[in-house]
């Protein structure tokens, strides 16, 4: 962006709904809008980091290949640690594409937002290993293990800055586009799909010991207790994620009111659960559609900025 300054893109959190960010970035590129600065929280940091590293296509391919069974294959349960899921399998997948890339070496200026355990400080990760920054930003409390960076234990940044508009502005963005993944899902319960290997009949999970070879039966019991059994029996993760989502929504509303972006993109994601990672094709399309709805306004306003004309608000 010339006379109007740099374009910033703030990608918010929202677990599986974050695949919509892929569609947003693709659609922005198609209309000639390429961010100079990206700030991401949680899944926004994953997508934003992959884009900044030039691996958005690889992330899209991975997302589109996911099925319910494959999603649960990446969940390495760990009841002995500080999170239900160790996260090592996901980390290995990220390492495969991002390797040892340092954030400061990226072509696009990138920052991931995380929260420090204990102090509650908002931590901006703008230097160091990209994979570690992304992991820290999406480490949902109680679900994924926290990540230690620079002597600090960090977890999901959505607890302090769900849609990091303020980060983009602090890094020099003069025009900030924010993507809110939770605009039309407030108050609706998160839907956690059952793994294909678990009986989905209604009822309370069997708490009796189960015998089985190679721990398969034990794993099934663990999945039922964590993810629930039937729509009327929410599992542990459903309750935790839903509570986290409510907190995130309230904080996002407050922060957006105090520091509004120049344009706000709201993909219509009603009915998409936080663990619906297998619905990537649908979510990417919804992200693209959200940009296309506001494309004319975005192009017009950015053109005004480039010509140094007076700012005109984008109708949302």
Protein backbone atom coordinates (compact mmCIF):
# COMPACT_ATOMS: atom_id res chain seq x y z
CA UNK A 1 0.00 0.00 0.00
CA UNK A 2 1.57 3.28 -1.04
CA UNK A 3 0.32 6.65 0.17
CA UNK A 4 -2.23 5.12 2.53
CA UNK A 5 0.31 3.07 4.47
CA UNK A 6 0.54 -0.64 5.18
CA UNK A 7 -2.39 -3.06 5.24
CA UNK A 8 -2.78 -5.16 8.39
CA UNK A 9 -4.82 -8.35 8.70
CA UNK A 10 -6.02 -9.49 12.14
CA UNK A 11 -7.05 -13.17 12.12
CA UNK A 12 -9.17 -14.20 15.09
CA UNK A 13 -9.48 -17.47 16.97
CA UNK A 14 -12.22 -20.04 16.56
CA UNK A 15 -10.72 -23.56 16.34
CA UNK A 16 -12.05 -25.45 13.27
CA UNK A 17 -13.84 -22.34 12.03
CA UNK A 18 -10.36 -21.02 11.31
CA UNK A 19 -10.29 -22.85 8.00
CA UNK A 20 -12.45 -19.93 6.82
CA UNK A 21 -9.29 -17.78 7.15
CA UNK A 22 -7.83 -19.74 4.22
CA UNK A 23 -10.75 -18.67 2.05
CA UNK A 24 -10.44 -15.08 3.24
CA UNK A 25 -6.76 -14.89 2.30
CA UNK A 26 -7.35 -16.49 -1.09
CA UNK A 27 -10.23 -14.14 -1.91
CA UNK A 28 -8.29 -11.06 -0.77
CA UNK A 29 -5.44 -12.07 -3.08
CA UNK A 30 -7.85 -12.45 -5.99
CA UNK A 31 -8.97 -8.82 -5.64
CA UNK A 32 -5.41 -7.56 -5.30
CA UNK A 33 -5.28 -7.05 -1.54
CA UNK A 34 -2.14 -8.49 0.02
CA UNK A 35 -1.47 -7.75 3.71
CA UNK A 36 1.87 -6.28 4.71
CA UNK A 37 1.30 -7.26 8.36
CA UNK A 38 -0.51 -10.26 9.80
CA UNK A 39 -1.39 -10.75 13.46
CA UNK A 40 -3.03 -14.02 14.41
CA UNK A 41 -4.55 -15.54 17.51
CA UNK A 42 -4.99 -19.31 17.97
CA UNK A 43 -6.10 -20.86 14.64
CA UNK A 44 -5.60 -17.38 13.16
CA UNK A 45 -1.92 -17.71 14.02
CA UNK A 46 -1.76 -21.12 12.32
CA UNK A 47 -3.27 -19.87 9.06
CA UNK A 48 -1.52 -16.50 9.19
CA UNK A 49 1.84 -18.09 9.92
CA UNK A 50 1.51 -20.55 7.05
CA UNK A 51 0.54 -17.71 4.70
CA UNK A 52 3.50 -15.59 5.79
CA UNK A 53 5.81 -18.56 5.25
CA UNK A 54 4.43 -19.21 1.76
CA UNK A 55 2.73 -22.49 2.72
CA UNK A 56 -0.95 -21.59 2.58
CA UNK A 57 -1.53 -24.02 -0.30
CA UNK A 58 0.00 -26.87 1.71
CA UNK A 59 -2.20 -26.01 4.71
CA UNK A 60 -5.27 -25.95 2.47
CA UNK A 61 -4.39 -29.35 1.03
CA UNK A 62 -3.96 -30.76 4.55
CA UNK A 63 -7.28 -29.25 5.72
CA UNK A 64 -9.24 -30.57 2.74
CA UNK A 65 -7.92 -34.10 3.32
CA UNK A 66 -9.15 -34.27 6.91
CA UNK A 67 -11.95 -36.64 7.83
CA UNK A 68 -13.43 -37.20 11.28
CA UNK A 69 -11.28 -40.29 11.70
CA UNK A 70 -8.12 -38.43 10.64
CA UNK A 71 -8.90 -35.53 12.98
CA UNK A 72 -9.00 -37.87 15.96
CA UNK A 73 -5.87 -39.58 14.72
CA UNK A 74 -4.00 -36.33 15.43
CA UNK A 75 -5.26 -36.17 19.01
CA UNK A 76 -2.60 -37.86 21.13
CA UNK A 77 -4.31 -38.02 24.53
CA UNK A 78 -2.16 -37.33 27.58
CA UNK A 79 -3.90 -37.43 30.97
CA UNK A 80 -0.62 -37.24 32.87
CA UNK A 81 0.30 -33.74 31.70
CA UNK A 82 -1.14 -30.21 31.70
CA UNK A 83 -3.49 -30.79 28.76
CA UNK A 84 -5.75 -33.56 27.49
CA UNK A 85 -3.87 -33.57 24.18
CA UNK A 86 -0.09 -33.66 23.94
CA UNK A 87 -0.07 -32.00 20.52
CA UNK A 88 3.10 -33.69 19.31
CA UNK A 89 1.46 -35.15 16.20
CA UNK A 90 0.19 -31.74 15.14
CA UNK A 91 3.59 -30.22 15.87
CA UNK A 92 5.30 -32.80 13.67
CA UNK A 93 2.94 -31.92 10.82
CA UNK A 94 3.73 -28.21 11.20
CA UNK A 95 7.45 -28.96 11.41
CA UNK A 96 7.23 -30.85 8.15
CA UNK A 97 6.15 -27.70 6.31
CA UNK A 98 7.58 -24.84 8.35
CA UNK A 99 10.79 -26.46 9.62
CA UNK A 100 13.08 -24.09 11.49
CA UNK A 101 11.78 -20.94 9.81
CA UNK A 102 12.24 -17.89 12.01
CA UNK A 103 9.48 -15.28 12.15
CA UNK A 104 11.89 -12.45 11.43
CA UNK A 105 12.90 -14.15 8.16
CA UNK A 106 9.38 -14.17 6.70
CA UNK A 107 8.50 -11.96 3.73
CA UNK A 108 5.32 -10.78 5.49
CA UNK A 109 5.62 -9.27 8.96
CA UNK A 110 3.92 -11.71 11.31
CA UNK A 111 3.06 -11.86 15.01
CA UNK A 112 1.28 -14.57 16.98
CA UNK A 113 -0.56 -13.65 20.18
CA UNK A 114 -0.32 -15.84 23.29
CA UNK A 115 -1.17 -15.57 26.99
CA UNK A 116 1.33 -16.06 29.80
CA UNK A 117 0.25 -18.50 32.49
CA UNK A 118 0.12 -16.94 35.94
CA UNK A 119 0.47 -13.27 35.03
CA UNK A 120 -2.15 -13.23 32.27
CA UNK A 121 0.11 -10.97 30.20
CA UNK A 122 -0.54 -10.65 26.48
CA UNK A 123 2.59 -11.87 24.72
CA UNK A 124 3.40 -10.88 21.14
CA UNK A 125 5.59 -13.48 19.47
CA UNK A 126 7.31 -11.67 16.59
CA UNK A 127 10.73 -13.32 16.70
CA UNK A 128 12.05 -16.85 17.05
CA UNK A 129 10.87 -20.18 15.68
CA UNK A 130 7.57 -19.88 13.82
CA UNK A 131 6.31 -23.34 14.79
CA UNK A 132 6.76 -22.66 18.51
CA UNK A 133 4.96 -19.31 18.29
CA UNK A 134 2.03 -20.88 16.46
CA UNK A 135 1.80 -23.77 18.95
CA UNK A 136 1.76 -21.38 21.89
CA UNK A 137 -0.97 -19.28 20.31
CA UNK A 138 -3.36 -22.22 19.76
CA UNK A 139 -2.69 -24.07 23.04
CA UNK A 140 -6.26 -24.02 24.40
CA UNK A 141 -6.10 -24.25 28.22
CA UNK A 142 -6.81 -27.75 29.48
CA UNK A 143 -6.92 -29.19 25.94
CA UNK A 144 -3.38 -28.69 24.58
CA UNK A 145 -0.17 -28.55 26.56
CA UNK A 146 1.18 -25.03 27.12
CA UNK A 147 4.42 -24.09 25.37
CA UNK A 148 7.52 -22.68 27.07
CA UNK A 149 9.20 -19.83 25.17
CA UNK A 150 11.83 -17.56 26.62
CA UNK A 151 11.30 -18.93 30.13
CA UNK A 152 7.54 -18.26 30.01
CA UNK A 153 4.77 -20.83 29.85
CA UNK A 154 2.24 -19.72 27.24
CA UNK A 155 -1.18 -20.78 26.03
CA UNK A 156 -3.99 -19.59 23.75
CA UNK A 157 -3.93 -15.86 23.01
CA UNK A 158 -7.72 -15.72 22.64
CA UNK A 159 -7.98 -15.25 26.40
CA UNK A 160 -6.50 -11.76 26.10
CA UNK A 161 -6.80 -10.67 22.45
CA UNK A 162 -9.13 -12.83 20.34
CA UNK A 163 -8.95 -10.60 17.24
CA UNK A 164 -5.58 -8.77 17.38
CA UNK A 165 -6.40 -5.46 15.70
CA UNK A 166 -4.25 -3.63 18.26
CA UNK A 167 -1.20 -5.70 17.25
CA UNK A 168 -1.56 -4.72 13.60
CA UNK A 169 -1.78 -1.04 14.50
CA UNK A 170 1.22 -1.24 16.83
CA UNK A 171 3.26 -2.80 14.02
CA UNK A 172 2.51 0.11 11.72
CA UNK A 173 -0.64 -0.86 9.82
CA UNK A 174 -2.63 2.15 8.66
CA UNK A 175 -5.56 0.12 7.36
CA UNK A 176 -6.63 -2.95 9.35
CA UNK A 177 -8.93 -5.70 8.13
CA UNK A 178 -10.16 -7.98 10.92
CA UNK A 179 -11.74 -11.42 10.56
CA UNK A 180 -14.21 -12.44 13.27
CA UNK A 181 -15.07 -16.15 13.20
CA UNK A 182 -17.64 -15.94 15.99
CA UNK A 183 -19.90 -13.12 14.78
CA UNK A 184 -23.04 -15.23 14.38
CA UNK A 185 -22.45 -18.14 16.72
CA UNK A 186 -22.61 -16.44 20.12
CA UNK A 187 -24.81 -18.34 22.50
CA UNK A 188 -24.84 -21.53 20.43
CA UNK A 189 -23.26 -24.67 21.83
CA UNK A 190 -20.09 -26.06 20.37
CA UNK A 191 -20.58 -29.35 18.55
CA UNK A 192 -17.79 -31.89 19.03
CA UNK A 193 -18.15 -34.76 16.54
CA UNK A 194 -17.77 -38.27 17.83
CA UNK A 195 -14.88 -40.35 16.48
CA UNK A 196 -15.97 -42.98 13.97
CA UNK A 197 -14.85 -45.74 16.31
CA UNK A 198 -17.19 -44.70 19.14
CA UNK A 199 -20.79 -45.88 19.50
CA UNK A 200 -23.00 -42.81 19.11
CA UNK A 201 -26.12 -44.11 20.88
CA UNK A 202 -27.49 -41.88 23.61
CA UNK A 203 -26.73 -42.52 27.23
CA UNK A 204 -24.10 -41.98 29.87
CA UNK A 205 -20.64 -43.33 29.12
CA UNK A 206 -19.89 -46.70 30.69
CA UNK A 207 -17.57 -46.13 33.61
CA UNK A 208 -16.78 -49.80 34.16
CA UNK A 209 -13.30 -51.12 33.32
CA UNK A 210 -13.04 -52.43 29.76
CA UNK A 211 -10.64 -55.12 28.64
CA UNK A 212 -9.05 -54.99 25.20
CA UNK A 213 -5.90 -55.64 23.27
CA UNK A 214 -3.34 -52.87 22.70
CA UNK A 215 -5.36 -50.39 24.69
CA UNK A 216 -8.06 -50.02 22.01
CA UNK A 217 -10.97 -50.53 24.41
CA UNK A 218 -9.42 -48.20 26.94
CA UNK A 219 -9.00 -45.55 24.24
CA UNK A 220 -12.66 -45.89 23.28
CA UNK A 221 -13.73 -45.44 26.88
CA UNK A 222 -11.49 -42.40 27.21
CA UNK A 223 -12.95 -40.87 24.05
CA UNK A 224 -16.50 -41.36 25.33
CA UNK A 225 -15.71 -39.73 28.65
CA UNK A 226 -13.90 -36.78 27.09
CA UNK A 227 -16.09 -36.15 24.03
CA UNK A 228 -19.40 -37.38 25.42
CA UNK A 229 -21.80 -40.04 24.21
CA UNK A 230 -24.88 -38.73 22.45
CA UNK A 231 -26.14 -35.18 21.94
CA UNK A 232 -27.64 -35.01 25.45
CA UNK A 233 -24.44 -35.95 27.23
CA UNK A 234 -21.71 -33.35 26.66
CA UNK A 235 -18.17 -34.51 27.20
CA UNK A 236 -15.41 -32.84 29.14
CA UNK A 237 -13.91 -31.11 26.11
CA UNK A 238 -17.30 -29.84 24.93
CA UNK A 239 -17.89 -28.09 28.25
CA UNK A 240 -14.36 -26.66 28.38
CA UNK A 241 -14.37 -25.42 24.79
CA UNK A 242 -17.86 -23.93 25.06
CA UNK A 243 -16.89 -22.04 28.22
CA UNK A 244 -13.70 -20.83 26.54
CA UNK A 245 -15.67 -19.70 23.49
CA UNK A 246 -18.08 -17.63 25.60
CA UNK A 247 -15.18 -15.87 27.31
CA UNK A 248 -13.47 -15.27 23.96
CA UNK A 249 -16.63 -13.76 22.47
CA UNK A 250 -17.11 -11.32 25.36
CA UNK A 251 -13.48 -10.18 25.24
CA UNK A 252 -13.62 -9.77 21.46
CA UNK A 253 -16.70 -7.57 21.65
CA UNK A 254 -15.04 -5.34 24.21
CA UNK A 255 -11.74 -5.00 22.36
CA UNK A 256 -13.34 -4.38 18.98
CA UNK A 257 -15.47 -1.64 20.52
CA UNK A 258 -12.39 0.05 21.97
CA UNK A 259 -10.18 -0.39 18.91
CA UNK A 260 -12.36 -1.03 15.85
CA UNK A 261 -10.76 -2.18 12.60
CA UNK A 262 -11.18 -0.25 9.36
CA UNK A 263 -13.02 -3.23 7.87
CA UNK A 264 -14.55 -6.24 9.59
CA UNK A 265 -15.11 -9.51 7.74
CA UNK A 266 -17.71 -11.81 9.32
CA UNK A 267 -17.91 -15.25 7.68
CA UNK A 268 -21.34 -16.78 8.21
CA UNK A 269 -20.44 -19.89 10.18
CA UNK A 270 -23.64 -20.72 12.02
CA UNK A 271 -23.85 -24.42 12.77
CA UNK A 272 -20.13 -25.07 12.48
CA UNK A 273 -18.71 -26.63 15.63
CA UNK A 274 -15.33 -25.83 17.09
CA UNK A 275 -14.10 -29.36 16.32
CA UNK A 276 -15.53 -29.62 12.79
CA UNK A 277 -12.08 -29.68 11.21
CA UNK A 278 -13.36 -32.18 8.62
CA UNK A 279 -15.55 -29.46 7.05
CA UNK A 280 -12.67 -27.55 5.46
CA UNK A 281 -14.15 -27.37 1.95
CA UNK A 282 -17.31 -25.73 3.27
CA UNK A 283 -15.45 -23.39 5.62
CA UNK A 284 -12.97 -22.20 2.99
CA UNK A 285 -15.88 -21.41 0.67
CA UNK A 286 -17.62 -19.45 3.43
CA UNK A 287 -14.46 -17.40 3.98
CA UNK A 288 -14.24 -16.61 0.28
CA UNK A 289 -17.92 -15.63 0.20
CA UNK A 290 -17.47 -13.24 3.13
CA UNK A 291 -14.75 -11.31 1.29
CA UNK A 292 -16.74 -11.22 -1.96
CA UNK A 293 -19.69 -9.62 -0.15
CA UNK A 294 -17.50 -6.67 0.89
CA UNK A 295 -15.02 -6.72 -2.01
CA UNK A 296 -16.23 -3.52 -3.69
CA UNK A 297 -16.12 -1.56 -0.42
CA UNK A 298 -12.66 -2.88 0.45
CA UNK A 299 -11.23 -2.02 -2.97
CA UNK A 300 -12.80 1.44 -2.94
CA UNK A 301 -11.58 2.36 0.53
CA UNK A 302 -8.06 1.09 0.01
CA UNK A 303 -7.95 2.99 -3.28
CA UNK A 304 -8.94 6.16 -1.39
CA UNK A 305 -6.13 5.56 1.07
CA UNK A 306 -3.61 5.06 -1.68
CA UNK A 307 -4.59 8.36 -3.24
CA UNK A 308 -4.34 10.01 0.13
CA UNK A 309 -8.04 10.91 0.15
CA UNK A 310 -10.16 11.22 3.25
CA UNK A 311 -11.07 7.94 4.92
CA UNK A 312 -14.55 6.62 4.25
CA UNK A 313 -15.98 3.97 6.56
CA UNK A 314 -16.72 0.55 5.09
CA UNK A 315 -20.40 -0.43 5.53
CA UNK A 316 -20.55 -3.67 7.45
